[in-house]
Amino acid sequence: MEGKRIKVAITHGDINGIGYEVILKIFEDDRLCELCTPILYGSTRVASFWRTQLTLEQVSWHKISSPEEAREGVLNILDCTSGHETVKIGEETAEAGQSAFIALERAVADIRSGLCDVLVTAPINKAVMPQDVFPFKGHTEYLQAVGAKNAGESLMVLASGDCRIALATTHIPVKQVSSALSKELILTKLRLLEAGLQQDFGITKPRIAVLALNPHAGDKGLMGQEEMMVIRPAIDEAFASGIITFGPYPGDGFWGSGRVDSFDGILAMYHDQGLAPFKALYMSQGVNVTLGLQFVRTSPDHGTGYDIAGKGIADPTSMREAIYYALDIYRARRRYDEATRNPLRRHYHNRSRDDEKIDTTSSEEY
């Protein structure tokens, strides 16, 4: 298992942003190909455009039409889009959205068919994705719909080193956060977080911190009831079920107190509560991980970067870390499955009618 060359499906994302730049910069150094077999789902035509635009002529690749054709030791590009896309650097175009969706859909299909092992997604622009086939607010919601272990359940986690911040709610307006929160939702997210920390990060019994929704954790109801009515009951029930959970902690004080290093995972109530401080600390090396899927999925923690597209200044560190995380999580998940698999199967002896007349002991063999 450990010696298996992992096939990494990388989707090209929005062709007008920095996706191709960070991907091609990573594979300027071919040592990454010694760790895995990378397959970029996209367009060799678009890749050639960006290679010339960014003067990355030393980057080479092997063109394929299916994962079975992938070669080891080289970047493989699986041509799966129209092949006629026009790159418009830094612009929002429907064509770029359509191309991003086609690559994503094909990569997910190949992973679910067992042709690739893990998924790493370059950034997309949700506003230009084709709404008739992608009525979602982001990668996380799409992948939850098509690949969740349990229907409707996934968890967005931003990770760097020992800091792992998860979100109870993701891409919704701030005014909707309070009504979206419930004890059941928070319990589901805590269970997903604990399971992910155990299975994907190798932490046997993780300690989890939960952030409050309101300033000063509601200040005993003076600034909101959610802590007393929703969040605290969820924490108590989670703790009673064996999940080591603490809180709710006021968001500002928590990040400023040094408590981050005391926990294996943190659950924030909404997007910017968790991601604003995380990106302030780890922007260049942070990784987005989706827990609760049937397969491993990671991505860089930045967006399409239209404002710097084509200038050659995009930092590839987060994308590189996303690939490393995907490989590490894949191996950790395999180790967990092996360690927790029951090696002793029950065998049942089928008795005939004559046997039933005989006084026997249990028919179970262990």
Protein backbone atom coordinates (compact mmCIF):
# COMPACT_ATOMS: atom_id res chain seq x y z
CA MET A 1 0.00 0.00 0.00
CA GLU A 2 2.69 2.50 0.94
CA GLY A 3 4.62 1.86 -2.28
CA LYS A 4 1.67 2.57 -4.56
CA ARG A 5 2.19 5.46 -6.98
CA ILE A 6 -0.81 7.65 -6.26
CA LYS A 7 -2.62 9.18 -9.25
CA VAL A 8 -3.47 12.80 -8.50
CA ALA A 9 -6.28 14.34 -10.55
CA ILE A 10 -5.71 18.11 -10.76
CA THR A 11 -8.47 20.26 -12.29
CA HIS A 12 -7.34 23.37 -14.13
CA GLY A 13 -9.97 25.70 -12.66
CA ASP A 14 -10.61 29.08 -14.31
CA ILE A 15 -8.37 29.40 -17.37
CA ASN A 16 -8.29 33.21 -17.08
CA GLY A 17 -6.90 33.25 -13.54
CA ILE A 18 -3.70 32.05 -11.91
CA GLY A 19 -4.52 28.33 -11.95
CA TYR A 20 -2.24 27.36 -14.81
CA GLU A 21 0.51 29.61 -13.51
CA VAL A 22 0.73 27.98 -10.10
CA ILE A 23 0.39 24.49 -11.58
CA LEU A 24 3.11 24.98 -14.22
CA LYS A 25 5.42 26.60 -11.68
CA ILE A 26 5.09 23.54 -9.45
CA PHE A 27 6.12 21.23 -12.26
CA GLU A 28 9.15 23.30 -13.22
CA ASP A 29 10.72 21.03 -10.62
CA ASP A 30 10.04 17.45 -11.66
CA ARG A 31 10.84 16.04 -8.22
CA LEU A 32 7.14 16.17 -7.33
CA CYS A 33 6.57 13.57 -10.04
CA GLU A 34 8.71 11.18 -8.01
CA LEU A 35 6.03 11.20 -5.29
CA CYS A 36 2.94 10.71 -7.43
CA THR A 37 1.56 10.51 -10.97
CA PRO A 38 -0.01 13.94 -11.65
CA ILE A 39 -2.83 14.20 -14.19
CA LEU A 40 -3.99 17.71 -15.07
CA TYR A 41 -7.58 17.73 -16.32
CA GLY A 42 -7.74 20.61 -18.76
CA SER A 43 -6.36 21.61 -22.14
CA THR A 44 -2.91 21.26 -23.66
CA ARG A 45 -3.78 24.24 -25.85
CA VAL A 46 -4.45 26.44 -22.81
CA ALA A 47 -1.38 25.05 -21.06
CA SER A 48 0.75 25.97 -24.08
CA PHE A 49 -0.66 29.51 -24.04
CA TRP A 50 0.26 29.99 -20.39
CA ARG A 51 3.66 28.37 -20.79
CA THR A 52 4.52 30.93 -23.46
CA GLN A 53 2.86 33.84 -21.66
CA LEU A 54 4.85 33.17 -18.49
CA THR A 55 8.08 32.07 -20.22
CA LEU A 56 8.01 28.69 -18.51
CA GLU A 57 9.34 26.87 -21.56
CA GLN A 58 11.21 24.31 -19.47
CA VAL A 59 7.91 22.77 -18.34
CA SER A 60 6.90 19.76 -20.42
CA TRP A 61 4.04 17.28 -20.31
CA HIS A 62 2.62 14.09 -21.74
CA LYS A 63 -0.73 14.44 -23.51
CA ILE A 64 -3.29 11.74 -22.70
CA SER A 65 -6.97 11.03 -23.25
CA SER A 66 -7.53 8.71 -20.24
CA PRO A 67 -5.82 8.11 -16.87
CA GLU A 68 -4.68 4.65 -18.01
CA GLU A 69 -2.31 6.36 -20.46
CA ALA A 70 -0.56 8.39 -17.75
CA ARG A 71 3.20 8.07 -17.49
CA GLU A 72 5.17 8.13 -14.28
CA GLY A 73 7.82 10.78 -13.74
CA VAL A 74 6.12 13.48 -15.83
CA LEU A 75 3.16 15.85 -15.75
CA ASN A 76 0.29 14.34 -17.71
CA ILE A 77 -2.38 16.57 -19.25
CA LEU A 78 -5.71 14.95 -20.02
CA ASP A 79 -7.41 16.90 -22.79
CA CYS A 80 -11.06 16.93 -21.77
CA THR A 81 -12.41 20.38 -22.66
CA SER A 82 -13.50 21.80 -26.01
CA GLY A 83 -9.93 22.49 -27.10
CA HIS A 84 -11.01 25.82 -28.58
CA GLU A 85 -11.12 28.00 -25.47
CA THR A 86 -9.81 31.54 -25.75
CA VAL A 87 -7.86 32.75 -22.74
CA LYS A 88 -8.77 36.28 -21.68
CA ILE A 89 -6.36 37.07 -18.89
CA GLY A 90 -8.02 38.38 -15.74
CA GLU A 91 -11.52 38.43 -17.21
CA GLU A 92 -14.74 36.73 -16.15
CA THR A 93 -16.09 34.72 -19.08
CA ALA A 94 -18.78 32.08 -19.43
CA GLU A 95 -16.39 30.09 -21.59
CA ALA A 96 -13.92 29.85 -18.71
CA GLY A 97 -16.69 28.68 -16.38
CA GLN A 98 -17.82 26.01 -18.82
CA SER A 99 -14.26 24.78 -19.27
CA ALA A 100 -13.74 24.62 -15.50
CA PHE A 101 -16.92 22.60 -15.02
CA ILE A 102 -16.10 20.08 -17.76
CA ALA A 103 -12.68 19.40 -16.22
CA LEU A 104 -14.14 19.07 -12.72
CA GLU A 105 -16.94 16.75 -13.81
CA ARG A 106 -14.56 14.47 -15.73
CA ALA A 107 -12.04 14.31 -12.88
CA VAL A 108 -14.70 13.42 -10.32
CA ALA A 109 -16.11 10.73 -12.61
CA ASP A 110 -12.65 9.18 -13.06
CA ILE A 111 -11.99 9.19 -9.32
CA ARG A 112 -15.33 7.56 -8.58
CA SER A 113 -14.50 4.94 -11.21
CA GLY A 114 -11.18 4.19 -9.49
CA LEU A 115 -9.03 5.58 -12.33
CA CYS A 116 -7.47 8.25 -10.08
CA ASP A 117 -6.92 8.31 -6.34
CA VAL A 118 -7.22 11.90 -5.09
CA LEU A 119 -8.59 15.22 -6.32
CA VAL A 120 -6.83 18.59 -6.17
CA THR A 121 -8.83 21.52 -7.55
CA ALA A 122 -7.48 24.81 -8.88
CA PRO A 123 -9.66 27.87 -8.13
CA ILE A 124 -12.90 28.55 -9.98
CA ASN A 125 -15.09 31.65 -10.25
CA LYS A 126 -18.54 30.61 -9.06
CA ALA A 127 -20.16 33.56 -10.82
CA VAL A 128 -19.28 32.27 -14.30
CA MET A 129 -19.90 28.56 -13.73
CA PRO A 130 -22.78 27.24 -15.88
CA GLN A 131 -25.75 27.46 -13.52
CA ASP A 132 -27.83 24.89 -15.39
CA VAL A 133 -25.37 22.14 -14.44
CA PHE A 134 -23.55 23.80 -11.53
CA PRO A 135 -26.19 25.42 -9.27
CA PHE A 136 -23.76 25.48 -6.36
CA LYS A 137 -21.93 28.16 -4.38
CA GLY A 138 -18.55 26.48 -4.67
CA HIS A 139 -16.52 23.30 -4.97
CA THR A 140 -17.50 22.14 -1.47
CA GLU A 141 -21.23 22.18 -2.15
CA TYR A 142 -20.82 20.48 -5.53
CA LEU A 143 -18.62 17.73 -4.13
CA GLN A 144 -20.99 17.21 -1.22
CA ALA A 145 -23.81 16.65 -3.72
CA VAL A 146 -21.91 14.15 -5.88
CA GLY A 147 -19.46 12.48 -3.50
CA ALA A 148 -20.47 12.65 0.18
CA LYS A 149 -20.29 9.44 2.22
CA ASN A 150 -23.59 10.41 3.83
CA ALA A 151 -26.06 12.43 1.76
CA GLY A 152 -25.83 16.15 2.45
CA GLU A 153 -22.88 15.91 4.84
CA SER A 154 -19.45 17.42 4.27
CA LEU A 155 -17.11 19.76 6.10
CA MET A 156 -14.87 22.53 4.84
CA VAL A 157 -11.54 22.65 6.68
CA LEU A 158 -8.60 25.01 6.18
CA ALA A 159 -5.35 23.47 7.35
CA SER A 160 -1.73 24.45 7.81
CA GLY A 161 0.61 22.62 10.15
CA ASP A 162 -1.22 21.94 13.41
CA CYS A 163 -3.96 24.51 12.76
CA ARG A 164 -7.19 23.09 11.32
CA ILE A 165 -10.22 25.37 11.18
CA ALA A 166 -13.61 23.96 10.12
CA LEU A 167 -16.80 25.83 9.25
CA ALA A 168 -20.30 25.13 10.54
CA THR A 169 -21.74 27.22 7.69
CA THR A 170 -19.91 28.03 4.48
CA HIS A 171 -20.96 30.20 1.55
CA ILE A 172 -24.05 31.95 2.88
CA PRO A 173 -24.72 35.63 3.66
CA VAL A 174 -23.85 36.72 7.19
CA LYS A 175 -27.49 37.69 7.86
CA GLN A 176 -28.50 34.05 7.33
CA VAL A 177 -25.93 32.48 9.65
CA SER A 178 -27.96 32.65 12.86
CA SER A 179 -31.05 31.03 11.33
CA ALA A 180 -28.91 28.36 9.65
CA LEU A 181 -27.35 27.24 12.93
CA SER A 182 -28.94 24.46 14.92
CA LYS A 183 -27.84 21.99 17.56
CA GLU A 184 -28.17 19.19 15.02
CA LEU A 185 -26.03 21.00 12.44
CA ILE A 186 -23.24 21.72 14.91
CA LEU A 187 -23.32 18.13 16.17
CA THR A 188 -23.03 16.85 12.59
CA LYS A 189 -20.06 19.11 11.90
CA LEU A 190 -18.35 18.08 15.14
CA ARG A 191 -18.76 14.40 14.29
CA LEU A 192 -17.39 14.99 10.79
CA LEU A 193 -14.47 16.96 12.21
CA GLU A 194 -13.58 14.33 14.80
CA ALA A 195 -13.82 11.53 12.21
CA GLY A 196 -11.71 13.50 9.73
CA LEU A 197 -9.04 14.31 12.29
CA GLN A 198 -8.84 10.63 13.19
CA GLN A 199 -8.99 9.12 9.70
CA ASP A 200 -7.29 11.75 7.56
CA PHE A 201 -4.87 13.38 10.01
CA GLY A 202 -3.99 10.42 12.22
CA ILE A 203 -5.06 12.00 15.54
CA THR A 204 -6.40 9.25 17.78
CA LYS A 205 -8.52 11.36 20.13
CA PRO A 206 -8.65 14.97 18.95
CA ARG A 207 -9.41 17.99 21.11
CA ILE A 208 -11.83 20.39 19.42
CA ALA A 209 -12.57 24.05 20.21
CA VAL A 210 -15.90 25.63 19.22
CA LEU A 211 -16.14 29.36 18.59
CA ALA A 212 -19.11 31.45 19.66
CA LEU A 213 -21.31 33.30 17.17
CA ASN A 214 -21.74 36.60 19.00
CA PRO A 215 -19.22 39.03 20.55
CA HIS A 216 -18.10 37.95 24.02
CA ALA A 217 -19.86 34.59 23.45
CA GLY A 218 -23.19 36.37 23.85
CA ASP A 219 -22.28 37.80 27.26
CA LYS A 220 -24.91 35.64 29.04
CA GLY A 221 -27.60 36.59 26.59
CA LEU A 222 -26.99 40.35 26.46
CA MET A 223 -25.57 40.10 22.92
CA GLY A 224 -27.45 37.08 21.62
CA GLN A 225 -29.08 33.82 22.64
CA GLU A 226 -27.39 31.44 20.19
CA GLU A 227 -24.62 30.43 22.59
CA MET A 228 -27.07 29.41 25.34
CA MET A 229 -29.81 27.99 23.13
CA VAL A 230 -27.87 26.27 20.32
CA ILE A 231 -24.09 26.13 20.61
CA ARG A 232 -23.65 25.20 24.28
CA PRO A 233 -26.25 22.37 24.12
CA ALA A 234 -24.48 20.97 21.04
CA ILE A 235 -21.12 21.07 22.81
CA ASP A 236 -22.55 19.34 25.88
CA GLU A 237 -24.16 16.58 23.83
CA ALA A 238 -21.01 16.09 21.76
CA PHE A 239 -18.89 15.83 24.92
CA ALA A 240 -21.33 13.35 26.45
CA SER A 241 -21.01 11.19 23.31
CA GLY A 242 -17.22 11.06 23.65
CA ILE A 243 -16.13 13.95 21.41
CA ILE A 244 -13.63 16.02 23.39
CA THR A 245 -15.11 19.47 22.72
CA PHE A 246 -14.71 22.80 24.52
CA GLY A 247 -16.25 26.25 24.20
CA PRO A 248 -17.92 28.32 23.01
CA TYR A 249 -14.96 30.71 22.92
CA PRO A 250 -15.29 34.35 21.81
CA GLY A 251 -13.74 34.52 18.36
CA ASP A 252 -11.52 37.55 18.92
CA GLY A 253 -10.10 36.42 22.23
CA PHE A 254 -9.53 32.87 21.03
CA TRP A 255 -7.28 33.84 18.11
CA GLY A 256 -5.40 36.35 20.22
CA SER A 257 -4.86 34.14 23.27
CA GLY A 258 -2.54 31.49 21.87
CA ARG A 259 -5.17 28.80 22.46
CA VAL A 260 -5.01 27.74 18.82
CA ASP A 261 -2.06 25.44 19.55
CA SER A 262 -3.97 23.73 22.37
CA PHE A 263 -6.49 22.11 20.03
CA ASP A 264 -6.34 19.67 17.12
CA GLY A 265 -9.33 21.24 15.41
CA ILE A 266 -11.47 24.38 15.63
CA LEU A 267 -15.10 24.79 14.55
CA ALA A 268 -16.05 28.33 13.51
CA MET A 269 -19.67 29.34 13.01
CA TYR A 270 -19.30 31.14 9.68
CA HIS A 271 -16.92 31.67 6.78
CA ASP A 272 -15.01 34.82 7.67
CA GLN A 273 -14.90 34.08 11.41
CA GLY A 274 -12.62 31.17 10.64
CA LEU A 275 -10.98 32.06 7.34
CA ALA A 276 -10.07 35.71 7.94
CA PRO A 277 -7.68 34.96 10.84
CA PHE A 278 -6.51 31.72 9.21
CA LYS A 279 -5.52 33.44 5.98
CA ALA A 280 -3.88 36.28 7.88
CA LEU A 281 -1.63 33.67 9.47
CA TYR A 282 -1.22 31.04 6.74
CA MET A 283 -2.27 32.55 3.40
CA SER A 284 0.69 31.33 1.34
CA GLN A 285 0.70 27.78 2.63
CA GLY A 286 -2.88 27.07 3.71
CA VAL A 287 -4.86 24.20 2.18
CA ASN A 288 -8.61 23.66 1.81
CA VAL A 289 -9.67 20.08 2.66
CA THR A 290 -13.19 18.70 2.22
CA LEU A 291 -14.02 16.09 4.87
CA GLY A 292 -16.88 13.63 4.60
CA LEU A 293 -16.35 12.65 0.95
CA GLN A 294 -15.86 9.19 -0.48
CA PHE A 295 -12.51 10.39 -1.85
CA VAL A 296 -9.75 12.81 -0.84
CA ARG A 297 -10.12 16.38 -2.08
CA THR A 298 -7.87 19.37 -1.42
CA SER A 299 -7.29 22.77 -2.99
CA PRO A 300 -5.21 25.91 -2.43
CA ASP A 301 -6.75 28.42 -0.04
CA HIS A 302 -6.77 31.29 -2.56
CA GLY A 303 -9.03 32.30 -5.43
CA THR A 304 -8.62 32.90 -9.14
CA GLY A 305 -6.36 35.93 -8.64
CA TYR A 306 -7.62 37.83 -11.66
CA ASP A 307 -5.83 40.96 -10.48
CA ILE A 308 -2.39 39.33 -10.78
CA ALA A 309 -3.09 36.87 -13.58
CA GLY A 310 -0.48 36.88 -16.33
CA LYS A 311 2.06 38.88 -14.34
CA GLY A 312 4.14 35.90 -13.28
CA ILE A 313 3.97 36.76 -9.57
CA ALA A 314 1.46 34.16 -8.31
CA ASP A 315 2.83 32.09 -5.42
CA PRO A 316 2.52 28.33 -6.08
CA THR A 317 3.13 27.32 -2.45
CA SER A 318 -0.51 26.72 -1.51
CA MET A 319 -1.15 24.60 -4.60
CA ARG A 320 1.99 22.57 -3.91
CA GLU A 321 0.89 22.09 -0.30
CA ALA A 322 -2.54 20.99 -1.52
CA ILE A 323 -0.92 18.16 -3.47
CA TYR A 324 1.24 17.17 -0.50
CA TYR A 325 -1.82 17.16 1.78
CA ALA A 326 -3.78 15.01 -0.68
CA LEU A 327 -1.00 12.43 -0.72
CA ASP A 328 -0.62 12.45 3.08
CA ILE A 329 -4.37 12.19 3.69
CA TYR A 330 -4.74 9.36 1.18
CA ARG A 331 -2.04 7.35 2.97
CA ALA A 332 -3.41 8.22 6.43
CA ARG A 333 -6.89 7.10 5.41
CA ARG A 334 -5.55 3.80 4.09
CA ARG A 335 -3.62 3.22 7.32
CA TYR A 336 -6.72 4.01 9.38
CA ASP A 337 -8.85 1.62 7.36
CA GLU A 338 -6.29 -1.15 7.81
CA ALA A 339 -5.92 -0.53 11.53
CA THR A 340 -9.67 -0.49 12.21
CA ARG A 341 -10.69 -3.29 9.90
CA ASN A 342 -12.03 -6.33 11.80
CA PRO A 343 -9.76 -9.22 10.79
CA LEU A 344 -12.04 -11.86 12.31
CA ARG A 345 -15.07 -12.57 10.22
CA ARG A 346 -18.05 -14.52 11.46
CA HIS A 347 -18.69 -17.84 9.72
CA TYR A 348 -22.14 -19.37 9.93
CA HIS A 349 -22.66 -23.14 9.60
CA ASN A 350 -25.73 -23.95 7.52
CA ARG A 351 -27.39 -26.92 9.19
CA SER A 352 -29.69 -29.39 7.46
CA ARG A 353 -33.06 -30.34 8.93
CA ASP A 354 -31.51 -33.50 10.35
CA ASP A 355 -28.81 -31.38 12.02
CA GLU A 356 -31.46 -29.29 13.70
CA LYS A 357 -32.64 -32.34 15.62
CA ILE A 358 -29.25 -32.63 17.26
CA ASP A 359 -28.43 -30.61 20.36
CA THR A 360 -25.52 -28.37 19.28
CA THR A 361 -23.60 -25.44 20.64
CA SER A 362 -23.42 -22.06 18.93
CA SER A 363 -22.99 -22.21 15.17
CA GLU A 364 -20.76 -19.12 15.16
CA GLU A 365 -17.06 -19.72 14.59
CA TYR A 366 -14.54 -17.03 15.59
